[in-house]
PDB file of all heavy atoms in Angstrom:
ATOM      1  N   PRO A   1     121.518 110.023 153.077  1.00  0.00           N
ATOM      2  CA  PRO A   1     120.276 110.796 153.214  1.00  0.00           C
ATOM      3  C   PRO A   1     120.327 111.853 154.315  1.00  0.00           C
ATOM      4  O   PRO A   1     119.714 112.918 154.163  1.00  0.00           O
ATOM      5  CB  PRO A   1     119.234 109.715 153.515  1.00  0.00           C
ATOM      6  CG  PRO A   1     119.766 108.488 152.837  1.00  0.00           C
ATOM      7  CD  PRO A   1     121.250 108.569 153.030  1.00  0.00           C
ATOM      8  N   PHE A   2     121.053 111.592 155.419  1.00  0.00           N
ATOM      9  CA  PHE A   2     121.070 112.616 156.469  1.00  0.00           C
ATOM     10  C   PHE A   2     121.809 113.868 155.998  1.00  0.00           C
ATOM     11  O   PHE A   2     121.423 114.996 156.327  1.00  0.00           O
ATOM     12  CB  PHE A   2     121.641 112.045 157.773  1.00  0.00           C
ATOM     13  CG  PHE A   2     123.074 112.353 158.060  1.00  0.00           C
ATOM     14  CD1 PHE A   2     123.415 113.418 158.870  1.00  0.00           C
ATOM     15  CD2 PHE A   2     124.089 111.559 157.542  1.00  0.00           C
ATOM     16  CE1 PHE A   2     124.742 113.693 159.159  1.00  0.00           C
ATOM     17  CE2 PHE A   2     125.414 111.825 157.831  1.00  0.00           C
ATOM     18  CZ  PHE A   2     125.748 112.902 158.637  1.00  0.00           C
ATOM     19  N   LEU A   3     122.852 113.707 155.199  1.00  0.00           N
ATOM     20  CA  LEU A   3     123.541 114.867 154.632  1.00  0.00           C
ATOM     21  C   LEU A   3     122.665 115.567 153.594  1.00  0.00           C
ATOM     22  O   LEU A   3     122.645 116.794 153.507  1.00  0.00           O
ATOM     23  CB  LEU A   3     124.861 114.431 153.987  1.00  0.00           C
ATOM     24  CG  LEU A   3     126.105 114.450 154.869  1.00  0.00           C
ATOM     25  CD1 LEU A   3     127.311 113.918 154.102  1.00  0.00           C
ATOM     26  CD2 LEU A   3     126.393 115.854 155.362  1.00  0.00           C
ATOM     27  N   THR A   4     121.940 114.769 152.810  1.00  0.00           N
ATOM     28  CA  THR A   4     121.014 115.343 151.838  1.00  0.00           C
ATOM     29  C   THR A   4     119.967 116.195 152.548  1.00  0.00           C
ATOM     30  O   THR A   4     119.574 117.259 152.060  1.00  0.00           O
ATOM     31  CB  THR A   4     120.336 114.226 151.031  1.00  0.00           C
ATOM     32  OG1 THR A   4     121.344 113.435 150.375  1.00  0.00           O
ATOM     33  CG2 THR A   4     119.395 114.798 149.983  1.00  0.00           C
ATOM     34  N   GLY A   5     119.515 115.752 153.731  1.00  0.00           N
ATOM     35  CA  GLY A   5     118.541 116.521 154.499  1.00  0.00           C
ATOM     36  C   GLY A   5     119.096 117.845 154.982  1.00  0.00           C
ATOM     37  O   GLY A   5     118.399 118.870 154.967  1.00  0.00           O
ATOM     38  N   TRP A   6     120.348 117.851 155.431  1.00  0.00           N
ATOM     39  CA  TRP A   6     120.965 119.116 155.855  1.00  0.00           C
ATOM     40  C   TRP A   6     121.126 120.062 154.666  1.00  0.00           C
ATOM     41  O   TRP A   6     120.897 121.272 154.779  1.00  0.00           O
ATOM     42  CB  TRP A   6     122.320 118.854 156.509  1.00  0.00           C
ATOM     43  CG  TRP A   6     122.195 118.413 157.921  1.00  0.00           C
ATOM     44  CD1 TRP A   6     122.341 117.143 158.420  1.00  0.00           C
ATOM     45  CD2 TRP A   6     121.872 119.229 159.052  1.00  0.00           C
ATOM     46  NE1 TRP A   6     122.133 117.132 159.777  1.00  0.00           N
ATOM     47  CE2 TRP A   6     121.840 118.388 160.189  1.00  0.00           C
ATOM     48  CE3 TRP A   6     121.601 120.587 159.209  1.00  0.00           C
ATOM     49  CZ2 TRP A   6     121.563 118.868 161.462  1.00  0.00           C
ATOM     50  CZ3 TRP A   6     121.317 121.074 160.480  1.00  0.00           C
ATOM     51  CH2 TRP A   6     121.297 120.219 161.584  1.00  0.00           C
ATOM     52  N   LEU A   7     121.528 119.509 153.517  1.00  0.00           N
ATOM     53  CA  LEU A   7     121.655 120.349 152.333  1.00  0.00           C
ATOM     54  C   LEU A   7     120.291 120.914 151.936  1.00  0.00           C
ATOM     55  O   LEU A   7     120.175 122.103 151.618  1.00  0.00           O
ATOM     56  CB  LEU A   7     122.256 119.551 151.177  1.00  0.00           C
ATOM     57  CG  LEU A   7     122.331 120.293 149.837  1.00  0.00           C
ATOM     58  CD1 LEU A   7     123.140 121.573 149.955  1.00  0.00           C
ATOM     59  CD2 LEU A   7     122.906 119.385 148.754  1.00  0.00           C
ATOM     60  N   ALA A   8     119.240 120.082 151.951  1.00  0.00           N
ATOM     61  CA  ALA A   8     117.900 120.565 151.613  1.00  0.00           C
ATOM     62  C   ALA A   8     117.494 121.703 152.544  1.00  0.00           C
ATOM     63  O   ALA A   8     116.935 122.719 152.100  1.00  0.00           O
ATOM     64  CB  ALA A   8     116.896 119.425 151.691  1.00  0.00           C
ATOM     65  N   THR A   9     117.767 121.555 153.843  1.00  0.00           N
ATOM     66  CA  THR A   9     117.427 122.599 154.806  1.00  0.00           C
ATOM     67  C   THR A   9     118.176 123.884 154.499  1.00  0.00           C
ATOM     68  O   THR A   9     117.596 124.985 154.511  1.00  0.00           O
ATOM     69  CB  THR A   9     117.742 122.136 156.235  1.00  0.00           C
ATOM     70  OG1 THR A   9     117.092 120.886 156.483  1.00  0.00           O
ATOM     71  CG2 THR A   9     117.287 123.158 157.261  1.00  0.00           C
ATOM     72  N   ALA A  10     119.473 123.777 154.222  1.00  0.00           N
ATOM     73  CA  ALA A  10     120.265 124.963 153.891  1.00  0.00           C
ATOM     74  C   ALA A  10     119.757 125.636 152.618  1.00  0.00           C
ATOM     75  O   ALA A  10     119.710 126.869 152.533  1.00  0.00           O
ATOM     76  CB  ALA A  10     121.735 124.575 153.740  1.00  0.00           C
ATOM     77  N   LEU A  11     119.358 124.835 151.633  1.00  0.00           N
ATOM     78  CA  LEU A  11     118.836 125.396 150.390  1.00  0.00           C
ATOM     79  C   LEU A  11     117.532 126.147 150.638  1.00  0.00           C
ATOM     80  O   LEU A  11     117.336 127.262 150.143  1.00  0.00           O
ATOM     81  CB  LEU A  11     118.623 124.281 149.364  1.00  0.00           C
ATOM     82  CG  LEU A  11     119.903 123.649 148.794  1.00  0.00           C
ATOM     83  CD1 LEU A  11     119.588 122.335 148.085  1.00  0.00           C
ATOM     84  CD2 LEU A  11     120.600 124.612 147.837  1.00  0.00           C
ATOM     85  N   TYR A  12     116.634 125.549 151.416  1.00  0.00           N
ATOM     86  CA  TYR A  12     115.392 126.253 151.749  1.00  0.00           C
ATOM     87  C   TYR A  12     115.676 127.563 152.470  1.00  0.00           C
ATOM     88  O   TYR A  12     115.074 128.600 152.178  1.00  0.00           O
ATOM     89  CB  TYR A  12     114.521 125.367 152.643  1.00  0.00           C
ATOM     90  CG  TYR A  12     113.653 124.369 151.922  1.00  0.00           C
ATOM     91  CD1 TYR A  12     113.706 123.009 152.239  1.00  0.00           C
ATOM     92  CD2 TYR A  12     112.741 124.781 150.945  1.00  0.00           C
ATOM     93  CE1 TYR A  12     112.893 122.084 151.600  1.00  0.00           C
ATOM     94  CE2 TYR A  12     111.926 123.862 150.295  1.00  0.00           C
ATOM     95  CZ  TYR A  12     112.000 122.523 150.630  1.00  0.00           C
ATOM     96  OH  TYR A  12     111.190 121.616 149.997  1.00  0.00           O
ATOM     97  N   ARG A  13     116.589 127.531 153.429  1.00  0.00           N
ATOM     98  CA  ARG A  13     116.843 128.702 154.262  1.00  0.00           C
ATOM     99  C   ARG A  13     117.519 129.843 153.497  1.00  0.00           C
ATOM    100  O   ARG A  13     117.481 130.993 153.929  1.00  0.00           O
ATOM    101  CB  ARG A  13     117.740 128.314 155.449  1.00  0.00           C
ATOM    102  CG  ARG A  13     117.158 127.261 156.368  1.00  0.00           C
ATOM    103  CD  ARG A  13     116.022 127.780 157.193  1.00  0.00           C
ATOM    104  NE  ARG A  13     116.433 128.823 158.118  1.00  0.00           N
ATOM    105  CZ  ARG A  13     115.609 129.415 158.975  1.00  0.00           C
ATOM    106  NH1 ARG A  13     114.334 129.076 159.011  1.00  0.00           N
ATOM    107  NH2 ARG A  13     116.052 130.342 159.795  1.00  0.00           N
ATOM    108  N   ASN A  14     118.135 129.513 152.363  1.00  0.00           N
ATOM    109  CA  ASN A  14     118.908 130.520 151.635  1.00  0.00           C
ATOM    110  C   ASN A  14     118.335 130.841 150.259  1.00  0.00           C
ATOM    111  O   ASN A  14     119.044 131.370 149.406  1.00  0.00           O
ATOM    112  CB  ASN A  14     120.361 130.059 151.503  1.00  0.00           C
ATOM    113  CG  ASN A  14     121.111 130.125 152.823  1.00  0.00           C
ATOM    114  OD1 ASN A  14     121.683 131.158 153.174  1.00  0.00           O
ATOM    115  ND2 ASN A  14     121.113 129.027 153.566  1.00  0.00           N
ATOM    116  N   GLY A  15     117.062 130.525 150.040  1.00  0.00           N
ATOM    117  CA  GLY A  15     116.405 130.964 148.820  1.00  0.00           C
ATOM    118  C   GLY A  15     116.618 130.091 147.610  1.00  0.00           C
ATOM    119  O   GLY A  15     116.616 130.601 146.481  1.00  0.00           O
ATOM    120  N   PHE A  16     116.741 128.778 147.808  1.00  0.00           N
ATOM    121  CA  PHE A  16     116.876 127.826 146.705  1.00  0.00           C
ATOM    122  C   PHE A  16     115.752 126.774 146.795  1.00  0.00           C
ATOM    123  O   PHE A  16     116.011 125.584 146.948  1.00  0.00           O
ATOM    124  CB  PHE A  16     118.223 127.103 146.772  1.00  0.00           C
ATOM    125  CG  PHE A  16     119.429 127.955 146.509  1.00  0.00           C
ATOM    126  CD1 PHE A  16     119.943 128.790 147.493  1.00  0.00           C
ATOM    127  CD2 PHE A  16     120.074 127.920 145.285  1.00  0.00           C
ATOM    128  CE1 PHE A  16     121.063 129.563 147.267  1.00  0.00           C
ATOM    129  CE2 PHE A  16     121.197 128.686 145.038  1.00  0.00           C
ATOM    130  CZ  PHE A  16     121.703 129.516 146.030  1.00  0.00           C
ATOM    131  N   PRO A  17     114.494 127.174 146.719  1.00  0.00           N
ATOM    132  CA  PRO A  17     113.410 126.217 146.983  1.00  0.00           C
ATOM    133  C   PRO A  17     113.313 125.082 145.976  1.00  0.00           C
ATOM    134  O   PRO A  17     112.943 123.959 146.344  1.00  0.00           O
ATOM    135  CB  PRO A  17     112.157 127.093 146.964  1.00  0.00           C
ATOM    136  CG  PRO A  17     112.537 128.276 146.130  1.00  0.00           C
ATOM    137  CD  PRO A  17     113.988 128.521 146.423  1.00  0.00           C
ATOM    138  N   LEU A  18     113.597 125.339 144.704  1.00  0.00           N
ATOM    139  CA  LEU A  18     113.496 124.271 143.705  1.00  0.00           C
ATOM    140  C   LEU A  18     114.549 123.199 143.932  1.00  0.00           C
ATOM    141  O   LEU A  18     114.268 121.994 143.877  1.00  0.00           O
ATOM    142  CB  LEU A  18     113.633 124.858 142.297  1.00  0.00           C
ATOM    143  CG  LEU A  18     112.489 125.769 141.853  1.00  0.00           C
ATOM    144  CD1 LEU A  18     112.868 126.521 140.600  1.00  0.00           C
ATOM    145  CD2 LEU A  18     111.217 124.960 141.637  1.00  0.00           C
ATOM    146  N   GLN A  19     115.787 123.635 144.202  1.00  0.00           N
ATOM    147  CA  GLN A  19     116.848 122.679 144.470  1.00  0.00           C
ATOM    148  C   GLN A  19     116.598 121.946 145.782  1.00  0.00           C
ATOM    149  O   GLN A  19     116.888 120.749 145.902  1.00  0.00           O
ATOM    150  CB  GLN A  19     118.198 123.395 144.509  1.00  0.00           C
ATOM    151  CG  GLN A  19     118.583 124.075 143.192  1.00  0.00           C
ATOM    152  CD  GLN A  19     118.112 125.512 143.074  1.00  0.00           C
ATOM    153  OE1 GLN A  19     117.053 125.885 143.588  1.00  0.00           O
ATOM    154  NE2 GLN A  19     118.896 126.341 142.398  1.00  0.00           N
ATOM    155  N   ALA A  20     116.056 122.663 146.768  1.00  0.00           N
ATOM    156  CA  ALA A  20     115.732 122.039 148.054  1.00  0.00           C
ATOM    157  C   ALA A  20     114.668 120.967 147.884  1.00  0.00           C
ATOM    158  O   ALA A  20     114.743 119.885 148.472  1.00  0.00           O
ATOM    159  CB  ALA A  20     115.263 123.098 149.044  1.00  0.00           C
ATOM    160  N   GLU A  21     113.642 121.264 147.082  1.00  0.00           N
ATOM    161  CA  GLU A  21     112.566 120.304 146.856  1.00  0.00           C
ATOM    162  C   GLU A  21     113.106 119.034 146.208  1.00  0.00           C
ATOM    163  O   GLU A  21     112.673 117.921 146.538  1.00  0.00           O
ATOM    164  CB  GLU A  21     111.485 120.943 145.986  1.00  0.00           C
ATOM    165  CG  GLU A  21     110.154 120.214 145.981  1.00  0.00           C
ATOM    166  CD  GLU A  21     110.078 119.095 144.966  1.00  0.00           C
ATOM    167  OE1 GLU A  21     110.938 119.033 144.062  1.00  0.00           O
ATOM    168  OE2 GLU A  21     109.147 118.275 145.069  1.00  0.00           O
ATOM    169  N   ALA A  22     114.070 119.173 145.291  1.00  0.00           N
ATOM    170  CA  ALA A  22     114.656 118.003 144.645  1.00  0.00           C
ATOM    171  C   ALA A  22     115.395 117.131 145.656  1.00  0.00           C
ATOM    172  O   ALA A  22     115.287 115.894 145.637  1.00  0.00           O
ATOM    173  CB  ALA A  22     115.606 118.442 143.528  1.00  0.00           C
ATOM    174  N   ALA A  23     116.148 117.768 146.565  1.00  0.00           N
ATOM    175  CA  ALA A  23     116.885 117.011 147.574  1.00  0.00           C
ATOM    176  C   ALA A  23     115.932 116.345 148.566  1.00  0.00           C
ATOM    177  O   ALA A  23     116.096 115.166 148.917  1.00  0.00           O
ATOM    178  CB  ALA A  23     117.858 117.937 148.309  1.00  0.00           C
ATOM    179  N   LEU A  24     114.926 117.091 149.037  1.00  0.00           N
ATOM    180  CA  LEU A  24     113.964 116.526 149.976  1.00  0.00           C
ATOM    181  C   LEU A  24     113.185 115.379 149.338  1.00  0.00           C
ATOM    182  O   LEU A  24     112.984 114.325 149.964  1.00  0.00           O
ATOM    183  CB  LEU A  24     113.003 117.618 150.451  1.00  0.00           C
ATOM    184  CG  LEU A  24     111.831 117.172 151.323  1.00  0.00           C
ATOM    185  CD1 LEU A  24     112.312 116.448 152.568  1.00  0.00           C
ATOM    186  CD2 LEU A  24     110.953 118.370 151.690  1.00  0.00           C
ATOM    187  N   SER A  25     112.739 115.544 148.098  1.00  0.00           N
ATOM    188  CA  SER A  25     111.991 114.486 147.424  1.00  0.00           C
ATOM    189  C   SER A  25     112.815 113.223 147.263  1.00  0.00           C
ATOM    190  O   SER A  25     112.275 112.110 147.345  1.00  0.00           O
ATOM    191  CB  SER A  25     111.516 114.980 146.050  1.00  0.00           C
ATOM    192  OG  SER A  25     110.574 116.021 146.180  1.00  0.00           O
ATOM    193  N   ALA A  26     114.122 113.372 147.038  1.00  0.00           N
ATOM    194  CA  ALA A  26     114.990 112.197 146.948  1.00  0.00           C
ATOM    195  C   ALA A  26     114.946 111.396 148.241  1.00  0.00           C
ATOM    196  O   ALA A  26     114.845 110.156 148.228  1.00  0.00           O
ATOM    197  CB  ALA A  26     116.416 112.623 146.625  1.00  0.00           C
ATOM    198  N   ASN A  27     115.011 112.087 149.378  1.00  0.00           N
ATOM    199  CA  ASN A  27     114.935 111.395 150.671  1.00  0.00           C
ATOM    200  C   ASN A  27     113.567 110.772 150.901  1.00  0.00           C
ATOM    201  O   ASN A  27     113.452 109.653 151.408  1.00  0.00           O
ATOM    202  CB  ASN A  27     115.257 112.370 151.806  1.00  0.00           C
ATOM    203  CG  ASN A  27     116.745 112.493 152.063  1.00  0.00           C
ATOM    204  OD1 ASN A  27     117.556 111.793 151.461  1.00  0.00           O
ATOM    205  ND2 ASN A  27     117.122 113.383 152.953  1.00  0.00           N
ATOM    206  N   VAL A  28     112.511 111.489 150.553  1.00  0.00           N
ATOM    207  CA  VAL A  28     111.162 110.961 150.754  1.00  0.00           C
ATOM    208  C   VAL A  28     110.967 109.672 149.961  1.00  0.00           C
ATOM    209  O   VAL A  28     110.374 108.702 150.458  1.00  0.00           O
ATOM    210  CB  VAL A  28     110.115 112.018 150.358  1.00  0.00           C
ATOM    211  CG1 VAL A  28     108.716 111.410 150.327  1.00  0.00           C
ATOM    212  CG2 VAL A  28     110.149 113.194 151.332  1.00  0.00           C
ATOM    213  N   ARG A  29     111.457 109.633 148.726  1.00  0.00           N
ATOM    214  CA  ARG A  29     111.304 108.426 147.905  1.00  0.00           C
ATOM    215  C   ARG A  29     111.958 107.218 148.554  1.00  0.00           C
ATOM    216  O   ARG A  29     111.468 106.087 148.430  1.00  0.00           O
ATOM    217  CB  ARG A  29     111.883 108.656 146.507  1.00  0.00           C
ATOM    218  CG  ARG A  29     111.046 109.542 145.622  1.00  0.00           C
ATOM    219  CD  ARG A  29     111.493 109.456 144.174  1.00  0.00           C
ATOM    220  NE  ARG A  29     112.902 109.788 144.015  1.00  0.00           N
ATOM    221  CZ  ARG A  29     113.363 111.009 143.813  1.00  0.00           C
ATOM    222  NH1 ARG A  29     112.518 112.031 143.762  1.00  0.00           N
ATOM    223  NH2 ARG A  29     114.645 111.246 143.675  1.00  0.00           N
ATOM    224  N   HIS A  30     113.082 107.425 149.252  1.00  0.00           N
ATOM    225  CA  HIS A  30     113.767 106.298 149.888  1.00  0.00           C
ATOM    226  C   HIS A  30     112.892 105.620 150.938  1.00  0.00           C
ATOM    227  O   HIS A  30     113.086 104.438 151.236  1.00  0.00           O
ATOM    228  CB  HIS A  30     115.072 106.773 150.540  1.00  0.00           C
ATOM    229  CG  HIS A  30     116.116 107.195 149.553  1.00  0.00           C
ATOM    230  ND1 HIS A  30     116.377 106.509 148.397  1.00  0.00           N
ATOM    231  CD2 HIS A  30     116.997 108.239 149.565  1.00  0.00           C
ATOM    232  CE1 HIS A  30     117.347 107.103 147.721  1.00  0.00           C
ATOM    233  NE2 HIS A  30     117.742 108.164 148.413  1.00  0.00           N
ATOM    234  N   THR A  31     111.934 106.358 151.500  1.00  0.00           N
ATOM    235  CA  THR A  31     111.044 105.773 152.506  1.00  0.00           C
ATOM    236  C   THR A  31     110.180 104.661 151.913  1.00  0.00           C
ATOM    237  O   THR A  31     109.708 103.785 152.627  1.00  0.00           O
ATOM    238  CB  THR A  31     110.131 106.867 153.086  1.00  0.00           C
ATOM    239  OG1 THR A  31     110.927 107.986 153.474  1.00  0.00           O
ATOM    240  CG2 THR A  31     109.359 106.375 154.301  1.00  0.00           C
ATOM    241  N   PHE A  32     109.985 104.685 150.608  1.00  0.00           N
ATOM    242  CA  PHE A  32     109.073 103.745 149.953  1.00  0.00           C
ATOM    243  C   PHE A  32     109.776 102.793 148.991  1.00  0.00           C
ATOM    244  O   PHE A  32     109.151 101.869 148.476  1.00  0.00           O
ATOM    245  CB  PHE A  32     108.010 104.531 149.178  1.00  0.00           C
ATOM    246  CG  PHE A  32     107.245 105.500 150.035  1.00  0.00           C
ATOM    247  CD1 PHE A  32     107.621 106.828 150.112  1.00  0.00           C
ATOM    248  CD2 PHE A  32     106.157 105.082 150.787  1.00  0.00           C
ATOM    249  CE1 PHE A  32     106.921 107.725 150.904  1.00  0.00           C
ATOM    250  CE2 PHE A  32     105.454 105.974 151.580  1.00  0.00           C
ATOM    251  CZ  PHE A  32     105.842 107.296 151.643  1.00  0.00           C
ATOM    252  N   GLU A  33     111.064 102.991 148.737  1.00  0.00           N
ATOM    253  CA  GLU A  33     111.733 102.213 147.702  1.00  0.00           C
ATOM    254  C   GLU A  33     112.198 100.850 148.183  1.00  0.00           C
ATOM    255  O   GLU A  33     112.221  99.890 147.406  1.00  0.00           O
ATOM    256  CB  GLU A  33     112.949 102.991 147.164  1.00  0.00           C
ATOM    257  CG  GLU A  33     112.584 104.162 146.287  1.00  0.00           C
ATOM    258  CD  GLU A  33     113.791 104.928 145.809  1.00  0.00           C
ATOM    259  OE1 GLU A  33     114.836 104.900 146.486  1.00  0.00           O
ATOM    260  OE2 GLU A  33     113.695 105.554 144.752  1.00  0.00           O
ATOM    261  N   ASN A  34     112.614 100.749 149.419  1.00  0.00           N
ATOM    262  CA  ASN A  34     113.234  99.512 149.894  1.00  0.00           C
ATOM    263  C   ASN A  34     112.413  98.946 151.051  1.00  0.00           C
ATOM    264  O   ASN A  34     111.361  98.358 150.830  1.00  0.00           O
ATOM    265  CB  ASN A  34     114.695  99.793 150.277  1.00  0.00           C
ATOM    266  CG  ASN A  34     115.486 100.338 149.095  1.00  0.00           C
ATOM    267  OD1 ASN A  34     115.611  99.662 148.073  1.00  0.00           O
ATOM    268  ND2 ASN A  34     115.986 101.556 149.198  1.00  0.00           N
ATOM    269  N   GLY A  35     112.852  99.115 152.310  1.00  0.00           N
ATOM    270  CA  GLY A  35     112.021  98.726 153.438  1.00  0.00           C
ATOM    271  C   GLY A  35     111.018  99.819 153.710  1.00  0.00           C
ATOM    272  O   GLY A  35     111.389 100.947 154.036  1.00  0.00           O
TER     273      GLY A  35
END
């Protein structure tokens, strides 16, 4: 997830908002899936 977060940030910063949202949402879901 920490690498996914860096990729999401890079995508946002370089004009890939849809792909960034997919990566960020993947990390957000992990907050609720397990512990």
